[in-house]
N, C-alpha and C. Protein backbone atom coordinates (compact mmCIF):
# COMPACT_ATOMS: atom_id res chain seq x y z
N MET A 1 5.30 6.87 4.17
CA MET A 1 5.88 5.28 4.10
C MET A 1 7.03 5.62 3.18
N LYS A 2 8.05 5.10 3.52
CA LYS A 2 9.24 4.94 2.64
C LYS A 2 9.27 3.48 2.30
N GLY A 3 10.01 3.51 1.12
CA GLY A 3 10.21 1.68 0.64
C GLY A 3 11.22 1.25 1.45
N SER A 4 12.27 2.08 2.26
CA SER A 4 13.23 1.31 3.38
C SER A 4 12.40 0.59 4.46
N GLU A 5 11.02 1.27 5.00
CA GLU A 5 10.38 0.68 5.73
C GLU A 5 9.79 -0.66 5.71
N LEU A 6 9.80 -1.31 4.39
CA LEU A 6 9.39 -2.27 3.99
C LEU A 6 9.83 -3.53 3.76
N VAL A 7 11.44 -3.09 3.83
CA VAL A 7 12.26 -4.07 3.41
C VAL A 7 12.36 -5.35 4.42
N GLY A 8 12.28 -4.89 5.74
CA GLY A 8 12.20 -5.99 6.73
C GLY A 8 11.10 -6.57 7.01
N LYS A 9 9.88 -6.42 6.41
CA LYS A 9 8.64 -6.88 6.74
C LYS A 9 8.39 -8.25 6.08
N THR A 10 7.57 -9.09 6.82
CA THR A 10 7.27 -10.46 6.07
C THR A 10 6.24 -10.51 5.13
N THR A 11 5.83 -11.28 4.24
CA THR A 11 4.84 -11.47 3.46
C THR A 11 3.46 -11.00 4.01
N ASP A 12 3.16 -11.72 5.36
CA ASP A 12 1.77 -11.57 5.97
C ASP A 12 1.57 -9.93 6.54
N GLU A 13 2.73 -9.51 6.84
CA GLU A 13 2.53 -7.90 6.98
C GLU A 13 2.29 -7.03 6.11
N LEU A 14 2.86 -7.23 5.16
CA LEU A 14 2.71 -6.62 3.72
C LEU A 14 1.09 -6.90 3.14
N LYS A 15 0.78 -8.17 3.27
CA LYS A 15 -0.52 -8.31 2.85
C LYS A 15 -1.63 -7.41 4.09
N ASP A 16 -1.44 -7.57 5.01
CA ASP A 16 -2.25 -6.74 6.08
C ASP A 16 -2.05 -5.36 6.05
N GLN A 17 -0.95 -4.66 5.70
CA GLN A 17 -0.68 -3.41 5.34
C GLN A 17 -1.46 -3.01 4.05
N LEU A 18 -1.39 -3.67 2.94
CA LEU A 18 -1.97 -3.62 1.75
C LEU A 18 -3.17 -3.71 2.02
N LEU A 19 -4.14 -4.42 2.68
CA LEU A 19 -5.53 -4.66 2.89
C LEU A 19 -5.94 -3.44 3.51
N SER A 20 -5.34 -2.99 4.71
CA SER A 20 -5.80 -1.57 5.17
C SER A 20 -5.62 -0.53 4.22
N LEU A 21 -4.63 -0.07 3.78
CA LEU A 21 -4.63 0.70 2.55
C LEU A 21 -5.73 0.74 1.63
N LYS A 22 -6.01 -0.36 0.93
CA LYS A 22 -7.38 -0.69 0.27
C LYS A 22 -8.54 -0.08 0.79
N LYS A 23 -8.81 -0.47 2.28
CA LYS A 23 -10.14 -0.02 2.58
C LYS A 23 -10.12 1.60 2.93
N GLU A 24 -8.68 2.13 3.04
CA GLU A 24 -8.53 3.61 3.24
C GLU A 24 -8.66 4.31 1.98
N GLN A 25 -8.27 3.52 0.93
CA GLN A 25 -8.52 4.17 -0.48
C GLN A 25 -9.98 4.25 -0.85
N PHE A 26 -10.52 2.99 -0.52
CA PHE A 26 -12.17 3.01 -0.55
C PHE A 26 -13.01 4.13 0.02
N ASN A 27 -12.28 4.25 1.55
CA ASN A 27 -13.10 5.37 2.10
C ASN A 27 -12.75 6.78 1.54
N LEU A 28 -11.67 6.83 1.17
CA LEU A 28 -11.33 8.35 0.67
C LEU A 28 -12.17 8.34 -0.67
N ARG A 29 -12.23 7.57 -1.54
CA ARG A 29 -12.73 7.74 -2.83
C ARG A 29 -14.33 7.93 -2.51
N PHE A 30 -15.00 7.24 -1.50
CA PHE A 30 -16.41 7.51 -0.91
C PHE A 30 -16.58 8.92 -0.66
N GLN A 31 -15.51 9.41 0.18
CA GLN A 31 -15.51 10.70 0.87
C GLN A 31 -15.51 11.86 -0.59
N LYS A 32 -14.56 11.48 -1.30
CA LYS A 32 -14.56 12.35 -2.61
C LYS A 32 -15.63 12.47 -3.41
N ALA A 33 -16.58 11.63 -3.48
CA ALA A 33 -17.72 11.33 -4.29
C ALA A 33 -18.96 11.95 -3.53
N THR A 34 -18.99 12.01 -2.35
CA THR A 34 -19.81 12.84 -1.46
C THR A 34 -19.46 14.15 -0.94
N GLY A 35 -18.16 14.47 -1.41
CA GLY A 35 -17.89 15.93 -1.19
C GLY A 35 -17.40 16.20 -0.12
N GLN A 36 -17.12 15.30 0.70
CA GLN A 36 -16.66 15.60 2.19
C GLN A 36 -15.22 15.42 2.28
N LEU A 37 -14.52 15.08 1.23
CA LEU A 37 -12.89 14.84 1.27
C LEU A 37 -12.31 16.33 1.31
N GLU A 38 -11.42 16.54 2.47
CA GLU A 38 -10.90 17.62 2.73
C GLU A 38 -9.63 17.83 2.22
N ASN A 39 -8.54 16.51 2.48
CA ASN A 39 -7.35 16.70 2.17
C ASN A 39 -7.23 15.81 0.77
N THR A 40 -7.26 16.36 -0.26
CA THR A 40 -7.34 15.54 -1.50
C THR A 40 -5.86 15.03 -1.83
N ALA A 41 -4.81 15.31 -1.34
CA ALA A 41 -3.55 14.81 -1.57
C ALA A 41 -3.51 13.77 -0.78
N GLN A 42 -4.20 13.32 0.07
CA GLN A 42 -4.31 11.80 0.82
C GLN A 42 -4.56 10.70 0.00
N VAL A 43 -5.48 11.03 -1.23
CA VAL A 43 -5.76 10.10 -1.85
C VAL A 43 -4.39 9.53 -2.91
N ARG A 44 -3.60 10.61 -3.34
CA ARG A 44 -2.40 10.49 -3.73
C ARG A 44 -1.30 9.43 -3.16
N LYS A 45 -1.13 9.85 -1.63
CA LYS A 45 -0.57 9.42 -0.89
C LYS A 45 -0.67 8.03 -0.87
N VAL A 46 -1.98 7.89 -0.50
CA VAL A 46 -2.45 6.31 -0.26
C VAL A 46 -2.13 5.35 -1.64
N ARG A 47 -2.29 5.99 -2.83
CA ARG A 47 -2.34 5.37 -4.02
C ARG A 47 -0.89 4.94 -4.13
N ARG A 48 0.08 5.38 -3.91
CA ARG A 48 1.75 5.46 -4.05
C ARG A 48 2.27 4.61 -2.78
N ASP A 49 1.48 4.61 -1.80
CA ASP A 49 1.84 3.60 -0.56
C ASP A 49 1.40 2.04 -1.14
N ILE A 50 0.21 2.14 -1.76
CA ILE A 50 -0.17 0.66 -2.20
C ILE A 50 0.80 0.25 -3.39
N ALA A 51 1.38 1.20 -4.18
CA ALA A 51 2.44 0.86 -5.24
C ALA A 51 3.51 0.36 -4.61
N ARG A 52 4.07 1.04 -3.28
CA ARG A 52 5.30 0.83 -2.77
C ARG A 52 5.35 -0.61 -2.12
N ILE A 53 3.87 -0.94 -1.63
CA ILE A 53 3.97 -2.38 -1.14
C ILE A 53 3.95 -3.62 -2.10
N ARG A 54 3.24 -3.24 -3.11
CA ARG A 54 3.18 -4.25 -4.14
C ARG A 54 4.46 -4.69 -4.54
N THR A 55 5.40 -3.43 -4.71
CA THR A 55 6.70 -3.41 -5.50
C THR A 55 7.64 -4.16 -4.33
N ALA A 56 7.42 -4.19 -3.02
CA ALA A 56 8.12 -4.92 -1.99
C ALA A 56 7.72 -6.28 -2.20
N GLN A 57 6.38 -6.74 -2.55
CA GLN A 57 6.21 -7.75 -2.40
C GLN A 57 6.63 -8.62 -3.66
N GLY A 58 6.65 -7.87 -4.79
CA GLY A 58 7.24 -8.51 -5.86
C GLY A 58 8.63 -8.76 -5.66
N ALA A 59 9.41 -8.06 -5.25
CA ALA A 59 10.81 -8.05 -4.83
C ALA A 59 10.87 -9.26 -3.85
N THR A 60 10.08 -9.54 -2.75
CA THR A 60 10.06 -10.76 -1.66
C THR A 60 10.05 -11.92 -2.67
N THR A 61 8.81 -11.88 -3.59
CA THR A 61 8.56 -13.06 -4.31
C THR A 61 9.89 -13.37 -5.21
N ARG A 62 10.33 -12.70 -6.05
CA ARG A 62 11.49 -12.98 -6.67
C ARG A 62 12.62 -13.35 -6.09
N ALA A 63 12.81 -12.62 -4.80
CA ALA A 63 14.05 -13.29 -4.12
C ALA A 63 13.79 -14.86 -3.74
N ALA A 64 12.61 -15.10 -3.20
CA ALA A 64 12.37 -16.40 -2.88
C ALA A 64 12.30 -17.44 -3.93
N ALA A 65 11.91 -17.18 -5.24
CA ALA A 65 12.07 -17.70 -6.11
C ALA A 65 13.55 -18.12 -6.80
N LYS A 66 14.32 -16.99 -6.59
CA LYS A 66 15.80 -17.08 -6.83
C LYS A 66 16.53 -18.14 -6.04
N LYS A 67 16.16 -18.08 -4.62
CA LYS A 67 16.74 -18.85 -3.63
C LYS A 67 16.61 -20.59 -3.76
N GLY A 68 15.01 -20.67 -4.19
CA GLY A 68 14.65 -21.90 -4.04
C GLY A 68 14.25 -22.48 -5.35
């Protein structure tokens, strides 16, 4: 996922995507703990995607506060 993909999304869409990534992160951590995780790079990718979404949410919040 790229940051440019998140620019046009609404706050609800970002929340939904963040929730799904959090669930995926939990599942990956569980797989890692039980020794079933094959692609360890996926943990890093999900963590960075979560950070991108949170950054986009902050930018939207700041833009809305600036307007109103």
